[in-house]
PDB file of N, CA and C in Angstrom:
ATOM      1  N   UNK A   1      17.881   0.569  -0.985  1.00  0.00           N
ATOM      2  CA  UNK A   1      17.425   0.779  -2.330  1.00  0.00           C
ATOM      3  C   UNK A   1      15.896   0.758  -2.072  1.00  0.00           C
ATOM      4  N   UNK A   2      15.172   1.920  -2.551  1.00  0.00           N
ATOM      5  CA  UNK A   2      13.993   2.398  -2.464  1.00  0.00           C
ATOM      6  C   UNK A   2      12.950   1.039  -3.133  1.00  0.00           C
ATOM      7  N   UNK A   3      11.753   0.707  -2.703  1.00  0.00           N
ATOM      8  CA  UNK A   3      10.852  -0.056  -3.587  1.00  0.00           C
ATOM      9  C   UNK A   3       9.613   0.145  -3.280  1.00  0.00           C
ATOM     10  N   UNK A   4       8.444  -0.270  -3.738  1.00  0.00           N
ATOM     11  CA  UNK A   4       7.323  -0.081  -3.749  1.00  0.00           C
ATOM     12  C   UNK A   4       6.687  -1.323  -3.734  1.00  0.00           C
ATOM     13  N   UNK A   5       5.771  -1.731  -2.990  1.00  0.00           N
ATOM     14  CA  UNK A   5       4.688  -2.884  -2.712  1.00  0.00           C
ATOM     15  C   UNK A   5       3.529  -2.346  -3.200  1.00  0.00           C
ATOM     16  N   UNK A   6       2.823  -3.286  -4.080  1.00  0.00           N
ATOM     17  CA  UNK A   6       1.635  -3.057  -4.495  1.00  0.00           C
ATOM     18  C   UNK A   6       0.502  -4.197  -4.287  1.00  0.00           C
ATOM     19  N   UNK A   7      -0.431  -3.971  -2.884  1.00  0.00           N
ATOM     20  CA  UNK A   7      -1.153  -5.076  -2.321  1.00  0.00           C
ATOM     21  C   UNK A   7      -2.464  -4.859  -2.800  1.00  0.00           C
ATOM     22  N   UNK A   8      -2.900  -5.919  -3.251  1.00  0.00           N
ATOM     23  CA  UNK A   8      -4.185  -5.953  -3.905  1.00  0.00           C
ATOM     24  C   UNK A   8      -5.195  -6.748  -2.764  1.00  0.00           C
ATOM     25  N   UNK A   9      -6.193  -6.384  -2.207  1.00  0.00           N
ATOM     26  CA  UNK A   9      -6.846  -6.604  -1.087  1.00  0.00           C
ATOM     27  C   UNK A   9      -8.291  -6.870  -1.933  1.00  0.00           C
ATOM     28  N   UNK A  10      -9.061  -8.003  -2.036  1.00  0.00           N
ATOM     29  CA  UNK A  10     -10.096  -8.462  -2.722  1.00  0.00           C
ATOM     30  C   UNK A  10     -11.025  -9.149  -1.762  1.00  0.00           C
ATOM     31  N   UNK A  11     -12.554  -8.664  -1.593  1.00  0.00           N
ATOM     32  CA  UNK A  11     -13.450  -9.195  -0.599  1.00  0.00           C
ATOM     33  C   UNK A  11     -14.438  -9.290  -1.518  1.00  0.00           C
ATOM     34  N   UNK A  12     -15.871  -9.410  -0.999  1.00  0.00           N
ATOM     35  CA  UNK A  12     -17.079  -9.369  -1.550  1.00  0.00           C
ATOM     36  C   UNK A  12     -17.844  -7.908  -0.935  1.00  0.00           C
ATOM     37  N   UNK A  13     -18.762  -7.539  -1.710  1.00  0.00           N
ATOM     38  CA  UNK A  13     -19.892  -6.833  -1.027  1.00  0.00           C
ATOM     39  C   UNK A  13     -19.192  -5.813  -0.402  1.00  0.00           C
ATOM     40  N   UNK A  14     -18.244  -5.088  -1.214  1.00  0.00           N
ATOM     41  CA  UNK A  14     -17.741  -3.705  -0.817  1.00  0.00           C
ATOM     42  C   UNK A  14     -16.942  -3.959   0.433  1.00  0.00           C
ATOM     43  N   UNK A  15     -16.228  -5.076   0.702  1.00  0.00           N
ATOM     44  CA  UNK A  15     -15.453  -5.281   2.186  1.00  0.00           C
ATOM     45  C   UNK A  15     -13.956  -4.672   1.938  1.00  0.00           C
ATOM     46  N   UNK A  16     -13.254  -5.136   0.837  1.00  0.00           N
ATOM     47  CA  UNK A  16     -12.223  -4.130   0.424  1.00  0.00           C
ATOM     48  C   UNK A  16     -12.329  -2.718   0.809  1.00  0.00           C
ATOM     49  N   UNK A  17     -13.064  -1.926   0.402  1.00  0.00           N
ATOM     50  CA  UNK A  17     -13.376  -0.590   0.287  1.00  0.00           C
ATOM     51  C   UNK A  17     -13.661  -0.220   1.826  1.00  0.00           C
ATOM     52  N   UNK A  18     -14.307  -1.179   2.473  1.00  0.00           N
ATOM     53  CA  UNK A  18     -14.722  -0.982   3.944  1.00  0.00           C
ATOM     54  C   UNK A  18     -13.474  -0.878   4.965  1.00  0.00           C
ATOM     55  N   UNK A  19     -12.682  -1.923   4.444  1.00  0.00           N
ATOM     56  CA  UNK A  19     -11.379  -2.221   5.104  1.00  0.00           C
ATOM     57  C   UNK A  19     -10.457  -0.898   4.921  1.00  0.00           C
ATOM     58  N   UNK A  20     -10.349  -0.285   3.598  1.00  0.00           N
ATOM     59  CA  UNK A  20      -9.673   0.737   3.547  1.00  0.00           C
ATOM     60  C   UNK A  20      -9.859   1.794   4.053  1.00  0.00           C
ATOM     61  N   UNK A  21     -11.280   2.237   4.350  1.00  0.00           N
ATOM     62  CA  UNK A  21     -11.773   3.205   4.986  1.00  0.00           C
ATOM     63  C   UNK A  21     -11.682   3.357   6.362  1.00  0.00           C
ATOM     64  N   UNK A  22     -11.698   2.122   7.007  1.00  0.00           N
ATOM     65  CA  UNK A  22     -11.380   1.944   8.373  1.00  0.00           C
ATOM     66  C   UNK A  22      -9.868   2.049   8.760  1.00  0.00           C
ATOM     67  N   UNK A  23      -9.022   1.725   7.670  1.00  0.00           N
ATOM     68  CA  UNK A  23      -7.623   1.812   7.947  1.00  0.00           C
ATOM     69  C   UNK A  23      -7.170   3.222   8.010  1.00  0.00           C
ATOM     70  N   UNK A  24      -8.324   4.090   7.151  1.00  0.00           N
ATOM     71  CA  UNK A  24      -8.163   5.795   7.346  1.00  0.00           C
ATOM     72  C   UNK A  24      -8.701   6.066   8.627  1.00  0.00           C
ATOM     73  N   UNK A  25     -10.086   5.704   8.804  1.00  0.00           N
ATOM     74  CA  UNK A  25     -10.598   6.216   9.851  1.00  0.00           C
ATOM     75  C   UNK A  25     -10.158   6.293  11.297  1.00  0.00           C
ATOM     76  N   UNK A  26      -9.538   4.995  11.155  1.00  0.00           N
ATOM     77  CA  UNK A  26      -8.733   4.864  12.728  1.00  0.00           C
ATOM     78  C   UNK A  26      -7.545   5.357  12.941  1.00  0.00           C
ATOM     79  N   UNK A  27      -6.913   6.029  12.080  1.00  0.00           N
ATOM     80  CA  UNK A  27      -5.461   6.355  12.048  1.00  0.00           C
ATOM     81  C   UNK A  27      -4.629   5.489  11.881  1.00  0.00           C
ATOM     82  N   UNK A  28      -4.646   4.321  11.793  1.00  0.00           N
ATOM     83  CA  UNK A  28      -3.742   3.159  11.442  1.00  0.00           C
ATOM     84  C   UNK A  28      -2.854   3.792  10.005  1.00  0.00           C
ATOM     85  N   UNK A  29      -3.640   3.846   9.175  1.00  0.00           N
ATOM     86  CA  UNK A  29      -2.677   4.262   7.810  1.00  0.00           C
ATOM     87  C   UNK A  29      -2.007   5.659   8.009  1.00  0.00           C
ATOM     88  N   UNK A  30      -2.592   6.214   8.672  1.00  0.00           N
ATOM     89  CA  UNK A  30      -1.667   7.830   9.047  1.00  0.00           C
ATOM     90  C   UNK A  30      -0.701   7.335   9.932  1.00  0.00           C
ATOM     91  N   UNK A  31      -0.586   6.578  10.551  1.00  0.00           N
ATOM     92  CA  UNK A  31       0.192   6.228  11.694  1.00  0.00           C
ATOM     93  C   UNK A  31       1.349   5.571  10.973  1.00  0.00           C
ATOM     94  N   UNK A  32       1.273   5.022   9.555  1.00  0.00           N
ATOM     95  CA  UNK A  32       2.183   4.022   9.072  1.00  0.00           C
ATOM     96  C   UNK A  32       2.583   4.722   8.142  1.00  0.00           C
ATOM     97  N   UNK A  33       2.277   5.954   7.856  1.00  0.00           N
ATOM     98  CA  UNK A  33       2.971   6.884   7.076  1.00  0.00           C
ATOM     99  C   UNK A  33       4.032   7.789   7.636  1.00  0.00           C
ATOM    100  N   UNK A  34       3.756   7.840   9.164  1.00  0.00           N
ATOM    101  CA  UNK A  34       4.598   8.640   9.696  1.00  0.00           C
ATOM    102  C   UNK A  34       5.900   7.839   9.924  1.00  0.00           C
ATOM    103  N   UNK A  35       5.904   6.417   9.780  1.00  0.00           N
ATOM    104  CA  UNK A  35       7.218   5.294  10.025  1.00  0.00           C
ATOM    105  C   UNK A  35       8.189   5.884   9.476  1.00  0.00           C
ATOM    106  N   UNK A  36       9.389   5.946  10.288  1.00  0.00           N
ATOM    107  CA  UNK A  36      10.643   5.913   9.533  1.00  0.00           C
ATOM    108  C   UNK A  36      10.902   5.269   8.202  1.00  0.00           C
ATOM    109  N   UNK A  37      11.037   5.876   7.296  1.00  0.00           N
ATOM    110  CA  UNK A  37      11.455   5.093   5.801  1.00  0.00           C
ATOM    111  C   UNK A  37      10.072   4.982   5.067  1.00  0.00           C
ATOM    112  N   UNK A  38       8.792   5.223   5.532  1.00  0.00           N
ATOM    113  CA  UNK A  38       7.841   5.045   4.735  1.00  0.00           C
ATOM    114  C   UNK A  38       7.582   6.272   3.764  1.00  0.00           C
ATOM    115  N   UNK A  39       7.555   6.164   2.540  1.00  0.00           N
ATOM    116  CA  UNK A  39       7.481   7.029   1.263  1.00  0.00           C
ATOM    117  C   UNK A  39       6.163   7.055   0.614  1.00  0.00           C
ATOM    118  N   UNK A  40       5.301   6.193   0.917  1.00  0.00           N
ATOM    119  CA  UNK A  40       3.990   6.456   0.329  1.00  0.00           C
ATOM    120  C   UNK A  40       3.295   5.320   1.248  1.00  0.00           C
ATOM    121  N   UNK A  41       1.940   5.628   1.369  1.00  0.00           N
ATOM    122  CA  UNK A  41       1.019   4.800   1.720  1.00  0.00           C
ATOM    123  C   UNK A  41      -0.674   5.180   1.555  1.00  0.00           C
ATOM    124  N   UNK A  42      -0.958   4.506  -0.144  1.00  0.00           N
ATOM    125  CA  UNK A  42      -2.201   5.242  -0.338  1.00  0.00           C
ATOM    126  C   UNK A  42      -2.976   4.119  -0.935  1.00  0.00           C
ATOM    127  N   UNK A  43      -4.284   4.298  -0.997  1.00  0.00           N
ATOM    128  CA  UNK A  43      -5.335   3.174  -1.523  1.00  0.00           C
ATOM    129  C   UNK A  43      -5.850   3.938  -2.342  1.00  0.00           C
ATOM    130  N   UNK A  44      -6.055   2.741  -3.420  1.00  0.00           N
ATOM    131  CA  UNK A  44      -6.735   3.321  -4.577  1.00  0.00           C
ATOM    132  C   UNK A  44      -7.909   2.031  -4.962  1.00  0.00           C
ATOM    133  N   UNK A  45      -8.780   2.564  -5.698  1.00  0.00           N
ATOM    134  CA  UNK A  45      -9.679   1.385  -6.318  1.00  0.00           C
ATOM    135  C   UNK A  45      -9.949   1.156  -7.928  1.00  0.00           C
ATOM    136  N   UNK A  46      -9.444   0.246  -8.546  1.00  0.00           N
ATOM    137  CA  UNK A  46      -9.663  -0.057  -9.903  1.00  0.00           C
ATOM    138  C   UNK A  46     -10.781   0.049 -10.550  1.00  0.00           C
ATOM    139  N   UNK A  47     -10.940   0.708 -11.545  1.00  0.00           N
ATOM    140  CA  UNK A  47     -12.144   1.196 -12.146  1.00  0.00           C
ATOM    141  C   UNK A  47     -12.845   0.018 -12.231  1.00  0.00           C
ATOM    142  N   UNK A  48     -12.264  -1.144 -12.891  1.00  0.00           N
ATOM    143  CA  UNK A  48     -12.727  -2.421 -13.771  1.00  0.00           C
ATOM    144  C   UNK A  48     -13.098  -3.523 -12.529  1.00  0.00           C
ATOM    145  N   UNK A  49     -12.731  -3.141 -11.248  1.00  0.00           N
ATOM    146  CA  UNK A  49     -12.946  -4.065 -10.120  1.00  0.00           C
ATOM    147  C   UNK A  49     -13.205  -3.526  -8.797  1.00  0.00           C
ATOM    148  N   UNK A  50     -14.554  -3.272  -8.755  1.00  0.00           N
ATOM    149  CA  UNK A  50     -15.227  -2.623  -7.578  1.00  0.00           C
ATOM    150  C   UNK A  50     -14.989  -3.668  -6.311  1.00  0.00           C
ATOM    151  N   UNK A  51     -14.662  -4.601  -6.634  1.00  0.00           N
ATOM    152  CA  UNK A  51     -14.363  -5.664  -4.888  1.00  0.00           C
ATOM    153  C   UNK A  51     -12.767  -5.740  -4.774  1.00  0.00           C
ATOM    154  N   UNK A  52     -12.117  -4.787  -5.098  1.00  0.00           N
ATOM    155  CA  UNK A  52     -10.324  -4.677  -5.333  1.00  0.00           C
ATOM    156  C   UNK A  52     -10.005  -3.426  -4.368  1.00  0.00           C
ATOM    157  N   UNK A  53      -9.083  -3.254  -3.713  1.00  0.00           N
ATOM    158  CA  UNK A  53      -8.505  -2.122  -3.327  1.00  0.00           C
ATOM    159  C   UNK A  53      -7.025  -2.208  -3.471  1.00  0.00           C
ATOM    160  N   UNK A  54      -6.258  -1.302  -3.949  1.00  0.00           N
ATOM    161  CA  UNK A  54      -4.829  -1.484  -4.318  1.00  0.00           C
ATOM    162  C   UNK A  54      -4.213  -0.375  -3.290  1.00  0.00           C
ATOM    163  N   UNK A  55      -3.481  -1.044  -2.614  1.00  0.00           N
ATOM    164  CA  UNK A  55      -2.495  -0.127  -1.593  1.00  0.00           C
ATOM    165  C   UNK A  55      -1.168  -0.213  -2.166  1.00  0.00           C
ATOM    166  N   UNK A  56      -0.474   1.129  -2.739  1.00  0.00           N
ATOM    167  CA  UNK A  56       0.601   1.510  -3.092  1.00  0.00           C
ATOM    168  C   UNK A  56       1.470   1.967  -1.761  1.00  0.00           C
ATOM    169  N   UNK A  57       2.434   1.123  -1.433  1.00  0.00           N
ATOM    170  CA  UNK A  57       3.079   0.960  -0.096  1.00  0.00           C
ATOM    171  C   UNK A  57       4.715   1.360  -0.660  1.00  0.00           C
ATOM    172  N   UNK A  58       5.245   2.234  -0.265  1.00  0.00           N
ATOM    173  CA  UNK A  58       6.808   2.372  -1.009  1.00  0.00           C
ATOM    174  C   UNK A  58       7.614   2.831   0.551  1.00  0.00           C
ATOM    175  N   UNK A  59       8.761   2.285   0.265  1.00  0.00           N
ATOM    176  CA  UNK A  59       9.604   2.034   1.477  1.00  0.00           C
ATOM    177  C   UNK A  59      11.066   2.578   1.070  1.00  0.00           C
ATOM    178  N   UNK A  60      11.899   3.164   1.844  1.00  0.00           N
ATOM    179  CA  UNK A  60      13.164   3.942   1.578  1.00  0.00           C
ATOM    180  C   UNK A  60      14.153   2.782   1.253  1.00  0.00           C
ATOM    181  N   UNK A  61      13.818   1.243   2.349  1.00  0.00           N
ATOM    182  CA  UNK A  61      14.827   0.314   2.132  1.00  0.00           C
ATOM    183  C   UNK A  61      14.290  -1.048   2.935  1.00  0.00           C
ATOM    184  N   UNK A  62      14.614  -2.146   2.796  1.00  0.00           N
ATOM    185  CA  UNK A  62      14.064  -3.213   3.456  1.00  0.00           C
ATOM    186  C   UNK A  62      13.836  -3.341   4.954  1.00  0.00           C
ATOM    187  N   UNK A  63      15.319  -2.484   5.497  1.00  0.00           N
ATOM    188  CA  UNK A  63      14.997  -2.452   7.024  1.00  0.00           C
ATOM    189  C   UNK A  63      13.672  -1.853   7.506  1.00  0.00           C
ATOM    190  N   UNK A  64      13.457  -0.765   6.889  1.00  0.00           N
ATOM    191  CA  UNK A  64      12.270   0.311   7.308  1.00  0.00           C
ATOM    192  C   UNK A  64      10.976  -0.623   7.066  1.00  0.00           C
ATOM    193  N   UNK A  65      10.761  -1.542   6.011  1.00  0.00           N
ATOM    194  CA  UNK A  65       9.687  -2.517   5.954  1.00  0.00           C
ATOM    195  C   UNK A  65       9.728  -3.584   6.985  1.00  0.00           C
ATOM    196  N   UNK A  66      10.793  -3.934   7.339  1.00  0.00           N
ATOM    197  CA  UNK A  66      10.791  -5.004   8.622  1.00  0.00           C
ATOM    198  C   UNK A  66      10.444  -4.581   9.806  1.00  0.00           C
ATOM    199  N   UNK A  67      10.878  -3.522   9.823  1.00  0.00           N
ATOM    200  CA  UNK A  67      10.583  -2.454  11.170  1.00  0.00           C
ATOM    201  C   UNK A  67       8.673  -2.482  11.075  1.00  0.00           C
ATOM    202  N   UNK A  68       8.652  -1.904  10.045  1.00  0.00           N
ATOM    203  CA  UNK A  68       6.681  -1.827  10.037  1.00  0.00           C
ATOM    204  C   UNK A  68       6.205  -3.393  10.388  1.00  0.00           C
ATOM    205  N   UNK A  69       6.809  -4.196   9.539  1.00  0.00           N
ATOM    206  CA  UNK A  69       6.238  -5.458   9.946  1.00  0.00           C
ATOM    207  C   UNK A  69       6.188  -6.141  11.359  1.00  0.00           C
ATOM    208  N   UNK A  70       7.204  -5.715  11.916  1.00  0.00           N
ATOM    209  CA  UNK A  70       7.235  -6.196  13.495  1.00  0.00           C
ATOM    210  C   UNK A  70       6.546  -4.946  14.486  1.00  0.00           C
ATOM    211  N   UNK A  71       6.022  -3.923  13.730  1.00  0.00           N
ATOM    212  CA  UNK A  71       5.157  -2.980  14.620  1.00  0.00           C
ATOM    213  C   UNK A  71       3.946  -3.551  15.012  1.00  0.00           C
ATOM    214  N   UNK A  72       3.190  -2.785  15.852  1.00  0.00           N
ATOM    215  CA  UNK A  72       1.873  -3.339  16.588  1.00  0.00           C
ATOM    216  C   UNK A  72       0.760  -3.026  15.340  1.00  0.00           C
ATOM    217  N   UNK A  73       1.233  -2.155  14.260  1.00  0.00           N
ATOM    218  CA  UNK A  73       0.131  -1.706  13.378  1.00  0.00           C
ATOM    219  C   UNK A  73       0.061  -3.365  12.691  1.00  0.00           C
ATOM    220  N   UNK A  74       0.699  -3.882  12.278  1.00  0.00           N
ATOM    221  CA  UNK A  74       0.878  -5.516  11.416  1.00  0.00           C
ATOM    222  C   UNK A  74      -0.703  -6.156  12.280  1.00  0.00           C
ATOM    223  N   UNK A  75      -0.682  -6.201  13.580  1.00  0.00           N
ATOM    224  CA  UNK A  75      -1.806  -6.882  14.289  1.00  0.00           C
ATOM    225  C   UNK A  75      -3.195  -6.200  13.787  1.00  0.00           C
ATOM    226  N   UNK A  76      -3.111  -4.801  13.764  1.00  0.00           N
ATOM    227  CA  UNK A  76      -4.261  -4.290  13.415  1.00  0.00           C
ATOM    228  C   UNK A  76      -4.718  -4.467  12.282  1.00  0.00           C
ATOM    229  N   UNK A  77      -3.779  -4.438  10.910  1.00  0.00           N
ATOM    230  CA  UNK A  77      -4.181  -4.980   9.818  1.00  0.00           C
ATOM    231  C   UNK A  77      -4.642  -6.497   9.703  1.00  0.00           C
ATOM    232  N   UNK A  78      -3.910  -7.205  10.332  1.00  0.00           N
ATOM    233  CA  UNK A  78      -4.498  -8.729  10.417  1.00  0.00           C
ATOM    234  C   UNK A  78      -5.565  -8.894  10.761  1.00  0.00           C
ATOM    235  N   UNK A  79      -5.815  -8.324  11.936  1.00  0.00           N
ATOM    236  CA  UNK A  79      -7.426  -8.012  12.338  1.00  0.00           C
ATOM    237  C   UNK A  79      -8.372  -7.543  11.567  1.00  0.00           C
ATOM    238  N   UNK A  80      -8.518  -6.261  10.828  1.00  0.00           N
ATOM    239  CA  UNK A  80      -9.069  -5.906   9.826  1.00  0.00           C
ATOM    240  C   UNK A  80      -9.190  -6.442   8.507  1.00  0.00           C
ATOM    241  N   UNK A  81      -8.268  -7.633   8.184  1.00  0.00           N
ATOM    242  CA  UNK A  81      -8.357  -8.344   7.353  1.00  0.00           C
ATOM    243  C   UNK A  81      -9.327  -9.572   7.332  1.00  0.00           C
ATOM    244  N   UNK A  82      -9.088  -9.900   8.589  1.00  0.00           N
ATOM    245  CA  UNK A  82      -9.824 -11.200   8.801  1.00  0.00           C
ATOM    246  C   UNK A  82     -11.342 -10.696   9.285  1.00  0.00           C
ATOM    247  N   UNK A  83     -11.685  -9.599   9.852  1.00  0.00           N
ATOM    248  CA  UNK A  83     -12.814  -8.693   9.804  1.00  0.00           C
ATOM    249  C   UNK A  83     -13.609  -8.837   8.424  1.00  0.00           C
ATOM    250  N   UNK A  84     -12.705  -8.278   7.530  1.00  0.00           N
ATOM    251  CA  UNK A  84     -13.669  -8.241   6.469  1.00  0.00           C
ATOM    252  C   UNK A  84     -13.618  -9.395   5.129  1.00  0.00           C
ATOM    253  N   UNK A  85     -12.573 -10.464   5.686  1.00  0.00           N
ATOM    254  CA  UNK A  85     -12.463 -11.692   5.075  1.00  0.00           C
ATOM    255  C   UNK A  85     -11.884 -11.268   3.447  1.00  0.00           C
ATOM    256  N   UNK A  86     -10.711 -10.667   3.812  1.00  0.00           N
ATOM    257  CA  UNK A  86     -10.160 -10.103   2.208  1.00  0.00           C
ATOM    258  C   UNK A  86      -8.942 -11.231   2.030  1.00  0.00           C
ATOM    259  N   UNK A  87      -8.956 -11.522   1.020  1.00  0.00           N
ATOM    260  CA  UNK A  87      -7.783 -12.096   0.170  1.00  0.00           C
ATOM    261  C   UNK A  87      -7.014 -10.959  -0.543  1.00  0.00           C
ATOM    262  N   UNK A  88      -5.627 -11.346  -0.432  1.00  0.00           N
ATOM    263  CA  UNK A  88      -4.438 -10.448  -1.177  1.00  0.00           C
ATOM    264  C   UNK A  88      -3.689 -11.125  -1.970  1.00  0.00           C
ATOM    265  N   UNK A  89      -2.875 -10.118  -2.716  1.00  0.00           N
ATOM    266  CA  UNK A  89      -1.738 -10.769  -3.518  1.00  0.00           C
ATOM    267  C   UNK A  89      -0.908  -9.519  -3.524  1.00  0.00           C
ATOM    268  N   UNK A  90       0.137  -9.822  -3.783  1.00  0.00           N
ATOM    269  CA  UNK A  90       1.379  -8.412  -3.725  1.00  0.00           C
ATOM    270  C   UNK A  90       2.577  -8.419  -5.114  1.00  0.00           C
ATOM    271  N   UNK A  91       2.717  -7.208  -5.584  1.00  0.00           N
ATOM    272  CA  UNK A  91       3.785  -7.249  -6.480  1.00  0.00           C
ATOM    273  C   UNK A  91       5.203  -6.078  -5.684  1.00  0.00           C
ATOM    274  N   UNK A  92       6.340  -6.449  -5.975  1.00  0.00           N
ATOM    275  CA  UNK A  92       6.817  -5.569  -5.611  1.00  0.00           C
ATOM    276  C   UNK A  92       7.698  -5.321  -6.785  1.00  0.00           C
ATOM    277  N   UNK A  93       8.316  -3.498  -6.705  1.00  0.00           N
ATOM    278  CA  UNK A  93       8.935  -3.308  -7.470  1.00  0.00           C
ATOM    279  C   UNK A  93       9.994  -2.227  -6.940  1.00  0.00           C
ATOM    280  N   UNK A  94      11.326  -2.411  -7.687  1.00  0.00           N
ATOM    281  CA  UNK A  94      12.455  -1.773  -7.234  1.00  0.00           C
ATOM    282  C   UNK A  94      12.248  -0.536  -7.995  1.00  0.00           C
ATOM    283  N   UNK A  95      12.621   0.905  -7.241  1.00  0.00           N
ATOM    284  CA  UNK A  95      12.550   2.032  -8.155  1.00  0.00           C
ATOM    285  C   UNK A  95      13.954   2.230  -9.203  1.00  0.00           C
ATOM    286  N   UNK A  96      13.361   3.121 -10.064  1.00  0.00           N
ATOM    287  CA  UNK A  96      14.587   2.945 -11.176  1.00  0.00           C
ATOM    288  C   UNK A  96      14.791   4.560 -11.160  1.00  0.00           C
ATOM    289  N   UNK A  97      15.575   5.191 -10.431  1.00  0.00           N
ATOM    290  CA  UNK A  97      15.446   6.524 -10.407  1.00  0.00           C
ATOM    291  C   UNK A  97      16.547   6.933 -11.591  1.00  0.00           C
ATOM    292  N   UNK A  98      17.234   6.070 -11.930  1.00  0.00           N
ATOM    293  CA  UNK A  98      18.512   6.528 -13.351  1.00  0.00           C
ATOM    294  C   UNK A  98      17.710   6.998 -14.207  1.00  0.00           C
ATOM    295  N   UNK A  99      16.771   5.842 -15.008  1.00  0.00           N
ATOM    296  CA  UNK A  99      16.018   5.924 -16.076  1.00  0.00           C
ATOM    297  C   UNK A  99      15.060   7.035 -16.605  1.00  0.00           C
ATOM    298  N   UNK A 100      14.416   7.389 -15.515  1.00  0.00           N
ATOM    299  CA  UNK A 100      12.955   8.232 -15.547  1.00  0.00           C
ATOM    300  C   UNK A 100      13.273   9.472 -16.144  1.00  0.00           C
ATOM    301  N   UNK A 101      14.531  10.216 -15.682  1.00  0.00           N
ATOM    302  CA  UNK A 101      14.607  11.741 -16.344  1.00  0.00           C
ATOM    303  C   UNK A 101      14.999  11.621 -17.640  1.00  0.00           C
ATOM    304  N   UNK A 102      15.692  10.673 -18.355  1.00  0.00           N
ATOM    305  CA  UNK A 102      15.989  10.935 -19.649  1.00  0.00           C
ATOM    306  C   UNK A 102      15.106  10.290 -20.437  1.00  0.00           C
ATOM    307  N   UNK A 103      14.844   8.980 -20.059  1.00  0.00           N
ATOM    308  CA  UNK A 103      13.987   8.146 -21.007  1.00  0.00           C
ATOM    309  C   UNK A 103      12.433   8.476 -21.199  1.00  0.00           C
ATOM    310  N   UNK A 104      11.927   9.028 -20.122  1.00  0.00           N
ATOM    311  CA  UNK A 104      10.460   8.861 -19.829  1.00  0.00           C
ATOM    312  C   UNK A 104       9.863  10.412 -19.505  1.00  0.00           C
ATOM    313  N   UNK A 105      10.798  11.515 -19.654  1.00  0.00           N
ATOM    314  CA  UNK A 105      10.475  12.730 -19.513  1.00  0.00           C
ATOM    315  C   UNK A 105       9.562  13.215 -20.305  1.00  0.00           C
ATOM    316  N   UNK A 106       9.704  12.921 -21.723  1.00  0.00           N
ATOM    317  CA  UNK A 106       8.801  13.406 -22.510  1.00  0.00           C
ATOM    318  C   UNK A 106       7.493  13.307 -22.764  1.00  0.00           C
ATOM    319  N   UNK A 107       7.397  12.002 -21.711  1.00  0.00           N
ATOM    320  CA  UNK A 107       5.615  11.371 -22.179  1.00  0.00           C
ATOM    321  C   UNK A 107       5.108  11.695 -20.823  1.00  0.00           C
ATOM    322  N   UNK A 108       5.893  12.385 -19.850  1.00  0.00           N
ATOM    323  CA  UNK A 108       5.186  12.866 -18.507  1.00  0.00           C
ATOM    324  C   UNK A 108       4.927  14.182 -18.668  1.00  0.00           C
ATOM    325  N   UNK A 109       3.514  14.532 -18.115  1.00  0.00           N
ATOM    326  CA  UNK A 109       2.618  15.900 -18.348  1.00  0.00           C
ATOM    327  C   UNK A 109       3.003  16.342 -16.867  1.00  0.00           C
ATOM    328  N   UNK A 110       3.716  17.319 -16.582  1.00  0.00           N
ATOM    329  CA  UNK A 110       3.389  18.411 -15.094  1.00  0.00           C
ATOM    330  C   UNK A 110       2.283  18.969 -14.688  1.00  0.00           C
TER     331      UNK A 110
END
């Protein structure tokens, strides 16, 4: 079953944005996007909180995320979180493919 993790990275003085920029420029984020089972790995910044960056991280199943957690990329991520002194919170959402087409389609503009 596919699911999405929303990971909020919060720091000070632009640290969260610098973290996300280094994840991208170093190729770490791109390599994670290529991992088997990764469906999405994108950073966003909330307009009302410039000290937080949101990572939307989607996976095909728990096994794919477990393999990612066991990969060397996690060491890189941990080092960068320490470098930028970031704090995190996480939310997990399970994909509801059944409800979207019928109930929500009228509200989605393509």
